[in-house]
């Protein structure tokens, strides 16, 4: 997975600054980043982090 480091840094800072996120450890952070990327990929056909993630078997193409 190759990601745009600028986008990834911005997303991490945004997640960390969110008051609804409690007990943010490394595992929780990576899970949130993964789920945010998957949702963005489903809705916009692009990831938030700029990664080259492709999950064509599990995510239907954007219609």
C-alpha atoms as a PDB file:
ATOM      1  CA  UNK A   1       0.000   0.000   0.000  1.00  0.00           C
ATOM      2  CA  UNK A   2       1.517   3.271  -1.113  1.00  0.00           C
ATOM      3  CA  UNK A   3      -0.140   6.310   0.414  1.00  0.00           C
ATOM      4  CA  UNK A   4       0.308  10.030   0.054  1.00  0.00           C
ATOM      5  CA  UNK A   5       2.090  10.864   3.327  1.00  0.00           C
ATOM      6  CA  UNK A   6       0.636  14.379   3.414  1.00  0.00           C
ATOM      7  CA  UNK A   7      -2.922  13.052   3.186  1.00  0.00           C
ATOM      8  CA  UNK A   8      -2.198  10.317   5.723  1.00  0.00           C
ATOM      9  CA  UNK A   9      -0.730  12.820   8.200  1.00  0.00           C
ATOM     10  CA  UNK A  10      -3.731  15.133   7.785  1.00  0.00           C
ATOM     11  CA  UNK A  11      -6.148  12.243   8.356  1.00  0.00           C
ATOM     12  CA  UNK A  12      -4.278  11.112  11.499  1.00  0.00           C
ATOM     13  CA  UNK A  13      -4.359  14.639  12.907  1.00  0.00           C
ATOM     14  CA  UNK A  14      -8.056  14.947  12.086  1.00  0.00           C
ATOM     15  CA  UNK A  15      -8.871  11.633  13.799  1.00  0.00           C
ATOM     16  CA  UNK A  16      -6.775  12.559  16.856  1.00  0.00           C
ATOM     17  CA  UNK A  17      -8.472  15.930  17.202  1.00  0.00           C
ATOM     18  CA  UNK A  18     -11.973  14.448  17.103  1.00  0.00           C
ATOM     19  CA  UNK A  19     -13.510  14.589  20.611  1.00  0.00           C
ATOM     20  CA  UNK A  20     -15.610  11.469  19.921  1.00  0.00           C
ATOM     21  CA  UNK A  21     -12.541   9.253  19.531  1.00  0.00           C
ATOM     22  CA  UNK A  22     -11.634   7.778  22.922  1.00  0.00           C
ATOM     23  CA  UNK A  23      -8.549   5.754  23.921  1.00  0.00           C
ATOM     24  CA  UNK A  24      -6.819   6.107  20.564  1.00  0.00           C
ATOM     25  CA  UNK A  25      -4.032   3.571  20.346  1.00  0.00           C
ATOM     26  CA  UNK A  26      -2.059   2.442  17.321  1.00  0.00           C
ATOM     27  CA  UNK A  27      -4.360  -0.488  16.504  1.00  0.00           C
ATOM     28  CA  UNK A  28      -7.519   1.608  16.755  1.00  0.00           C
ATOM     29  CA  UNK A  29      -5.946   4.353  14.642  1.00  0.00           C
ATOM     30  CA  UNK A  30      -5.047   1.946  11.804  1.00  0.00           C
ATOM     31  CA  UNK A  31      -8.503   0.352  11.936  1.00  0.00           C
ATOM     32  CA  UNK A  32     -10.146   3.777  11.651  1.00  0.00           C
ATOM     33  CA  UNK A  33      -7.881   4.713   8.735  1.00  0.00           C
ATOM     34  CA  UNK A  34      -8.739   1.420   7.009  1.00  0.00           C
ATOM     35  CA  UNK A  35     -12.500   1.875   7.452  1.00  0.00           C
ATOM     36  CA  UNK A  36     -12.366   5.517   6.357  1.00  0.00           C
ATOM     37  CA  UNK A  37     -10.461   4.464   3.224  1.00  0.00           C
ATOM     38  CA  UNK A  38     -12.928   1.665   2.444  1.00  0.00           C
ATOM     39  CA  UNK A  39     -15.951   3.955   2.797  1.00  0.00           C
ATOM     40  CA  UNK A  40     -14.308   6.635   0.661  1.00  0.00           C
ATOM     41  CA  UNK A  41     -13.396   4.012  -1.957  1.00  0.00           C
ATOM     42  CA  UNK A  42     -16.997   2.791  -2.084  1.00  0.00           C
ATOM     43  CA  UNK A  43     -18.463   6.278  -2.366  1.00  0.00           C
ATOM     44  CA  UNK A  44     -15.925   8.068  -4.561  1.00  0.00           C
ATOM     45  CA  UNK A  45     -13.787   5.303  -6.106  1.00  0.00           C
ATOM     46  CA  UNK A  46     -10.769   6.956  -4.439  1.00  0.00           C
ATOM     47  CA  UNK A  47      -9.209   6.465  -1.021  1.00  0.00           C
ATOM     48  CA  UNK A  48      -8.790   9.303   1.469  1.00  0.00           C
ATOM     49  CA  UNK A  49      -5.105   8.516   1.974  1.00  0.00           C
ATOM     50  CA  UNK A  50      -4.278   8.237  -1.697  1.00  0.00           C
ATOM     51  CA  UNK A  51      -3.321   4.583  -1.282  1.00  0.00           C
ATOM     52  CA  UNK A  52      -3.475   2.235  -4.238  1.00  0.00           C
ATOM     53  CA  UNK A  53      -5.861  -0.111  -2.441  1.00  0.00           C
ATOM     54  CA  UNK A  54      -8.086  -2.076  -4.774  1.00  0.00           C
ATOM     55  CA  UNK A  55     -10.778  -4.334  -3.389  1.00  0.00           C
ATOM     56  CA  UNK A  56     -12.713  -5.112  -6.509  1.00  0.00           C
ATOM     57  CA  UNK A  57     -14.057  -8.451  -5.262  1.00  0.00           C
ATOM     58  CA  UNK A  58     -15.742  -7.014  -2.165  1.00  0.00           C
ATOM     59  CA  UNK A  59     -16.621  -3.480  -3.205  1.00  0.00           C
ATOM     60  CA  UNK A  60     -19.045  -3.041  -6.095  1.00  0.00           C
ATOM     61  CA  UNK A  61     -18.135  -0.420  -8.661  1.00  0.00           C
ATOM     62  CA  UNK A  62     -19.555   3.055  -8.123  1.00  0.00           C
ATOM     63  CA  UNK A  63     -22.744   3.443 -10.148  1.00  0.00           C
END
